[in-house]
Amino acid sequence: MYLFYDKNISGNFHVLNEEESKHCVKVLRLNIGDEVFLTDGLGNLYKTIISEIYSKKVILKIIEHTENYEKRNYNLHIAIAPTKMNERFEWFVEKSVEIGIDEITPIICKNSERKIVKNDRLNRVAQAAMKQSYKAYHPQINEYINLEIFLNKNLNYQHKFIAHCFDIAEKQYLASILNKNSSYLILIGPEGDFTQDEIKLCKNAGFKEISLGKSRLRTETAGVVACNIVSVINSILL
């Protein structure tokens, strides 16, 4: 199954852009009549066949349309501090998309070591991960934002959590308190963790303190672990 992406799809035929066309013909070596799939990243999956091939474009004929393809029963938004090394943050984006995530917001905290994020690059990483894992949903990747400003936004989620490394008696393991079929917003701090003042601000904004396990995790690992816990809990049939 080969999956291509274009956010603008309409009609009975679709023309792949030059880059996707080149990948289709030169890399995958597909030919007229071969079956491929197409998505707009909004949950629509199109079954197509290659109708025509030209030097810089491939035309697909749409033969079947599936709406809300493998739509998840939950909504997950992770707001996470960018890591010092770009590739580690890109790894988080890649793996969270493969697992399943709806929205990612890079947040700038007091202990943040990186305060510049290239959204174009992150979107390309997310797009590649979406196609590789045969997802029909492209997550929203927001511009980076200061934590305090982020907390003042209208964060209308059923459950809001903040993960940190401080030893707090009331902090509970995320998997043990997670309700299924809900909307979640999870905060993941920088490599130096959130400050106590930042945690207090988050608690005042309605966030519940959580643990992601006994191990002390890197920022990007914590983000992936949180994403996977939400996915696994929502996949359990009771």
Protein backbone atom coordinates (compact mmCIF):
# COMPACT_ATOMS: atom_id res chain seq x y z
CA MET A 1 0.00 0.00 0.00
CA TYR A 2 1.52 3.30 -1.13
CA LEU A 3 0.07 6.49 0.37
CA PHE A 4 0.43 10.00 -1.04
CA TYR A 5 -0.61 13.27 0.56
CA ASP A 6 -2.16 16.48 -0.70
CA LYS A 7 -4.34 18.75 1.42
CA ASN A 8 -6.33 19.81 -1.66
CA ILE A 9 -8.19 16.91 -3.28
CA SER A 10 -11.36 17.22 -5.36
CA GLY A 11 -13.05 15.68 -8.37
CA ASN A 12 -12.49 12.26 -9.92
CA PHE A 13 -8.85 12.81 -10.87
CA HIS A 14 -5.88 14.14 -8.94
CA VAL A 15 -2.49 15.33 -10.17
CA LEU A 16 0.43 14.56 -7.88
CA ASN A 17 2.89 17.41 -7.46
CA GLU A 18 6.30 17.16 -9.06
CA GLU A 19 8.03 15.81 -5.95
CA GLU A 20 5.39 13.14 -5.28
CA SER A 21 5.27 12.25 -8.98
CA LYS A 22 9.02 11.72 -9.06
CA HIS A 23 8.84 9.53 -5.95
CA CYS A 24 5.99 7.54 -7.46
CA VAL A 25 7.74 6.79 -10.76
CA LYS A 26 11.49 7.02 -10.11
CA VAL A 27 11.68 5.60 -6.56
CA LEU A 28 8.68 3.29 -6.27
CA ARG A 29 8.76 2.45 -10.00
CA LEU A 30 4.98 2.35 -10.27
CA ASN A 31 3.23 2.18 -13.62
CA ILE A 32 -0.11 2.98 -15.24
CA GLY A 33 -2.83 0.79 -13.72
CA ASP A 34 -1.07 0.37 -10.35
CA GLU A 35 -3.17 0.99 -7.24
CA VAL A 36 -2.14 3.71 -4.78
CA PHE A 37 -3.87 5.60 -1.98
CA LEU A 38 -4.23 9.30 -1.38
CA THR A 39 -5.16 11.35 1.70
CA ASP A 40 -5.81 15.00 2.49
CA GLY A 41 -4.72 14.57 6.11
CA LEU A 42 -8.25 15.34 7.31
CA GLY A 43 -9.42 11.73 7.57
CA ASN A 44 -10.31 11.18 3.91
CA LEU A 45 -8.69 8.19 2.25
CA TYR A 46 -8.92 7.76 -1.52
CA LYS A 47 -8.26 4.53 -3.35
CA THR A 48 -6.87 5.38 -6.79
CA ILE A 49 -5.18 3.92 -9.82
CA ILE A 50 -2.45 5.57 -11.85
CA SER A 51 -4.15 6.87 -14.97
CA GLU A 52 -1.40 8.77 -16.79
CA ILE A 53 2.32 9.37 -16.35
CA TYR A 54 4.22 12.36 -17.71
CA SER A 55 7.76 13.63 -17.16
CA LYS A 56 6.88 15.75 -14.14
CA LYS A 57 3.39 14.68 -13.13
CA VAL A 58 1.32 11.61 -12.40
CA ILE A 59 -2.46 11.61 -12.74
CA LEU A 60 -4.50 9.44 -10.39
CA LYS A 61 -8.06 8.30 -10.99
CA ILE A 62 -10.09 8.14 -7.78
CA ILE A 63 -12.17 4.96 -7.58
CA GLU A 64 -13.15 4.84 -3.90
CA HIS A 65 -13.47 7.37 -1.05
CA THR A 66 -13.50 6.52 2.66
CA GLU A 67 -14.31 9.25 5.18
CA ASN A 68 -12.93 9.32 8.76
CA TYR A 69 -10.49 6.52 7.97
CA GLU A 70 -9.42 4.84 11.23
CA LYS A 71 -10.61 7.84 13.22
CA ARG A 72 -9.47 7.59 16.82
CA ASN A 73 -11.90 7.63 19.73
CA TYR A 74 -9.92 10.36 21.50
CA ASN A 75 -8.19 13.67 20.88
CA LEU A 76 -4.62 14.23 22.01
CA HIS A 77 -2.69 17.50 22.19
CA ILE A 78 0.87 17.45 23.54
CA ALA A 79 2.52 20.76 24.38
CA ILE A 80 6.24 20.08 24.70
CA ALA A 81 9.44 22.05 25.13
CA PRO A 82 11.75 21.78 22.08
CA THR A 83 14.94 19.82 22.75
CA LYS A 84 18.43 21.26 22.35
CA MET A 85 19.11 18.98 19.38
CA ASN A 86 16.68 19.43 16.48
CA GLU A 87 16.79 15.79 15.44
CA ARG A 88 15.56 14.64 18.83
CA PHE A 89 12.51 16.88 18.64
CA GLU A 90 11.89 15.71 15.09
CA TRP A 91 12.10 12.13 16.37
CA PHE A 92 9.33 12.94 18.88
CA VAL A 93 7.16 14.37 16.09
CA GLU A 94 7.78 11.35 13.87
CA LYS A 95 7.00 8.73 16.51
CA SER A 96 3.97 10.53 17.96
CA VAL A 97 2.45 10.79 14.48
CA GLU A 98 3.05 7.07 13.91
CA ILE A 99 1.31 6.29 17.22
CA GLY A 100 -1.49 8.83 16.80
CA ILE A 101 -1.68 12.50 17.82
CA ASP A 102 -3.91 15.42 16.86
CA GLU A 103 -1.97 18.51 17.85
CA ILE A 104 1.55 19.47 18.88
CA THR A 105 2.56 22.80 20.41
CA PRO A 106 6.21 23.65 21.10
CA ILE A 107 6.31 25.58 24.38
CA ILE A 108 9.08 27.83 25.66
CA CYS A 109 9.85 27.46 29.37
CA LYS A 110 12.34 29.05 31.74
CA ASN A 111 14.76 26.11 31.40
CA SER A 112 14.33 25.73 27.63
CA GLU A 113 17.60 25.31 25.77
CA ARG A 114 16.05 25.93 22.35
CA LYS A 115 13.67 28.76 21.62
CA ILE A 116 13.52 28.60 17.82
CA VAL A 117 11.45 25.97 16.01
CA LYS A 118 11.19 25.46 12.24
CA ASN A 119 7.58 24.53 11.64
CA ASP A 120 8.07 23.86 7.93
CA ARG A 121 10.58 21.16 8.76
CA LEU A 122 8.37 19.67 11.49
CA ASN A 123 5.43 19.51 9.10
CA ARG A 124 7.55 17.67 6.55
CA VAL A 125 8.58 15.19 9.23
CA ALA A 126 4.93 14.73 10.26
CA GLN A 127 3.86 14.27 6.65
CA ALA A 128 6.47 11.58 6.03
CA ALA A 129 5.49 9.78 9.25
CA MET A 130 1.80 9.97 8.34
CA LYS A 131 2.43 8.37 4.94
CA GLN A 132 4.81 5.75 6.31
CA SER A 133 2.32 4.63 8.98
CA TYR A 134 -0.72 4.84 6.63
CA LYS A 135 -2.54 7.47 8.65
CA ALA A 136 -5.23 9.69 7.15
CA TYR A 137 -4.84 12.46 9.72
CA HIS A 138 -2.08 15.08 9.62
CA PRO A 139 -1.63 16.59 13.09
CA GLN A 140 -1.77 20.33 13.61
CA ILE A 141 1.66 21.65 14.51
CA ASN A 142 1.42 25.06 16.11
CA GLU A 143 3.93 27.90 16.28
CA TYR A 144 6.11 27.89 19.37
CA ILE A 145 4.70 29.88 22.29
CA ASN A 146 5.71 30.95 25.78
CA LEU A 147 4.23 28.67 28.46
CA GLU A 148 2.50 31.48 30.36
CA ILE A 149 0.86 32.80 27.19
CA PHE A 150 -0.18 29.25 26.26
CA LEU A 151 -1.86 28.78 29.64
CA ASN A 152 -3.94 31.92 29.06
CA LYS A 153 -5.45 30.47 25.88
CA ASN A 154 -8.84 28.75 25.84
CA LEU A 155 -7.64 25.22 26.59
CA ASN A 156 -10.95 23.40 26.48
CA TYR A 157 -10.02 19.78 27.15
CA GLN A 158 -11.72 17.17 29.31
CA HIS A 159 -8.39 16.24 30.92
CA LYS A 160 -5.28 18.37 31.36
CA PHE A 161 -2.03 16.91 32.72
CA ILE A 162 1.47 18.11 33.46
CA ALA A 163 4.31 15.58 33.63
CA HIS A 164 7.37 16.52 35.69
CA CYS A 165 10.15 14.84 37.66
CA PHE A 166 9.57 16.33 41.11
CA ASP A 167 8.62 13.82 43.80
CA ILE A 168 5.10 14.88 44.73
CA ALA A 169 2.94 12.63 46.89
CA GLU A 170 -0.28 13.28 44.97
CA LYS A 171 1.32 12.68 41.57
CA GLN A 172 -0.22 9.61 39.91
CA TYR A 173 0.84 7.37 37.04
CA LEU A 174 -0.94 8.53 33.89
CA ALA A 175 -2.09 5.07 32.81
CA SER A 176 -3.81 4.47 36.16
CA ILE A 177 -6.04 7.56 35.99
CA LEU A 178 -6.72 7.96 32.28
CA ASN A 179 -10.34 7.90 31.16
CA LYS A 180 -11.07 6.54 27.69
CA ASN A 181 -12.79 8.30 24.80
CA SER A 182 -11.83 11.78 25.95
CA SER A 183 -9.80 14.82 24.95
CA TYR A 184 -6.38 15.27 26.56
CA LEU A 185 -3.80 18.01 26.82
CA ILE A 186 -0.43 16.92 28.22
CA LEU A 187 2.45 19.24 29.08
CA ILE A 188 6.03 17.97 28.78
CA GLY A 189 8.83 20.20 30.07
CA PRO A 190 12.39 20.90 28.88
CA GLU A 191 15.47 18.85 29.73
CA GLY A 192 15.88 20.90 32.90
CA ASP A 193 12.20 20.25 33.74
CA PHE A 194 9.55 22.78 34.65
CA THR A 195 10.30 25.13 37.52
CA GLN A 196 8.22 24.98 40.68
CA ASP A 197 6.65 28.32 39.73
CA GLU A 198 5.69 26.96 36.31
CA ILE A 199 4.13 23.88 37.88
CA LYS A 200 2.14 26.12 40.21
CA LEU A 201 0.90 28.17 37.25
CA CYS A 202 -0.18 24.99 35.46
CA LYS A 203 -1.98 23.66 38.53
CA ASN A 204 -3.82 26.97 38.85
CA ALA A 205 -4.84 26.57 35.20
CA GLY A 206 -6.43 23.20 35.97
CA PHE A 207 -3.60 20.80 35.12
CA LYS A 208 -3.16 17.64 37.18
CA GLU A 209 0.36 16.47 38.04
CA ILE A 210 1.26 13.04 36.64
CA SER A 211 4.09 10.55 36.41
CA LEU A 212 5.06 8.66 33.25
CA GLY A 213 6.79 5.87 35.18
CA LYS A 214 9.76 5.31 37.47
CA SER A 215 12.46 6.10 34.91
CA ARG A 216 13.74 9.64 34.40
CA LEU A 217 13.04 10.28 30.72
CA ARG A 218 14.43 12.66 28.16
CA THR A 219 11.96 15.26 26.94
CA GLU A 220 11.35 13.60 23.57
CA THR A 221 11.07 10.16 25.18
CA ALA A 222 8.55 11.47 27.71
CA GLY A 223 6.45 12.86 24.87
CA VAL A 224 6.42 9.55 23.04
CA VAL A 225 5.67 7.59 26.24
CA ALA A 226 2.73 9.90 27.05
CA CYS A 227 1.43 9.52 23.51
CA ASN A 228 1.71 5.74 23.67
CA ILE A 229 0.00 5.47 27.07
CA VAL A 230 -2.99 7.41 25.73
CA SER A 231 -3.11 5.21 22.63
CA VAL A 232 -2.85 1.93 24.54
CA ILE A 233 -5.46 2.84 27.16
CA ASN A 234 -7.92 3.91 24.47
CA SER A 235 -7.28 0.69 22.53
CA ILE A 236 -8.18 -1.60 25.40
CA LEU A 237 -11.54 -3.28 24.92
CA LEU A 238 -13.51 -3.50 28.14
